[in-house]
Amino acid sequence: TETYARWARFHTRLAPYFWALAQRAHATGAPITMHPFLLHPDAPETWSIEDAYYLGPALYVWPVVERGGLEKSGWLPPGRYVDLDDFRVYDGGQPVTIPAPLDKLPVLLVEGQMLPMLDSSIDTLAPATDPTVVTPATVADRLDVQMALGQGGHAHLELADGTVLDAERLGADAGNPGALTSAALRAMNGCASCFDEQTAGDVKRLRVNTPLAAGSDVTLEDVHLVVTGGPTRRVRWDILRLP
């Protein structure tokens, strides 16, 4: 039950991502879920994949479909990926093996793509009359955005509400021109104009919170983050810096 609740909540948090994918599907016809062949038609190894798919361009989902399986082995499409469970980095274009115990669904974040999410406290996407139930309206003043960026990398995403998100990993350390405040990890959910950095798995994880505003332009160390348009809210960036 706890495992189901964890992944059901993660699915609910993905609402801004699904809304952006639905808008893209309406405009271009691009499907929300994609067989690896659609993104890598020149790689013959993708032709026989039957147990994995891209959920939009940002997530590669590789579920265990065999009884008793505790790991996932197979050919991973070209690119670099970060396991969202343990932040281990996997190089694609080759066979790999990923730990997959019963409580873990192998979900990999694709390098150079953004994953927008609702606050982790979200309970439901439906309206609620009970004030203790957390709905999108309750957490409308904040947005979580996670991405994996290599050196010189860039990510871009337009949300369904018109917000445009841009992130760039610079070639050099630009310091802290906005005088952002270093905060303890436990304080990052509530602070503004603050940051925290730690090593997690194979990545250097930098979290940056913008002020409450309709847009922002923030530079910290080797990362430049821009929010244009959209509603007034704090954007809580989570940048997984790849080696």
Foldseek 3Di string as FASTA:
>chain_A
DVLVVVVVLVVQFQVQVVQQQVVCCVVPVDDQKAQVCVVVVPDVQSVPDDAWIDRHPFKIWGFDDDPPDQKDKDAFAAAWWAFPPQRAIDGHPGIDMGGHHPSDTGMITGAQEKGKTFDSQADDQDDDPPPVHHHCVNRVQEMEMEHEYEAQGKHWGATPQGKIKIKTFANWFPAFVVPQAEDDPVCLVPDASHWYWDDTHQWIKIKHKHPFAQWDWGGGTRMTIIIHGDHGHIYIYIYTYHD
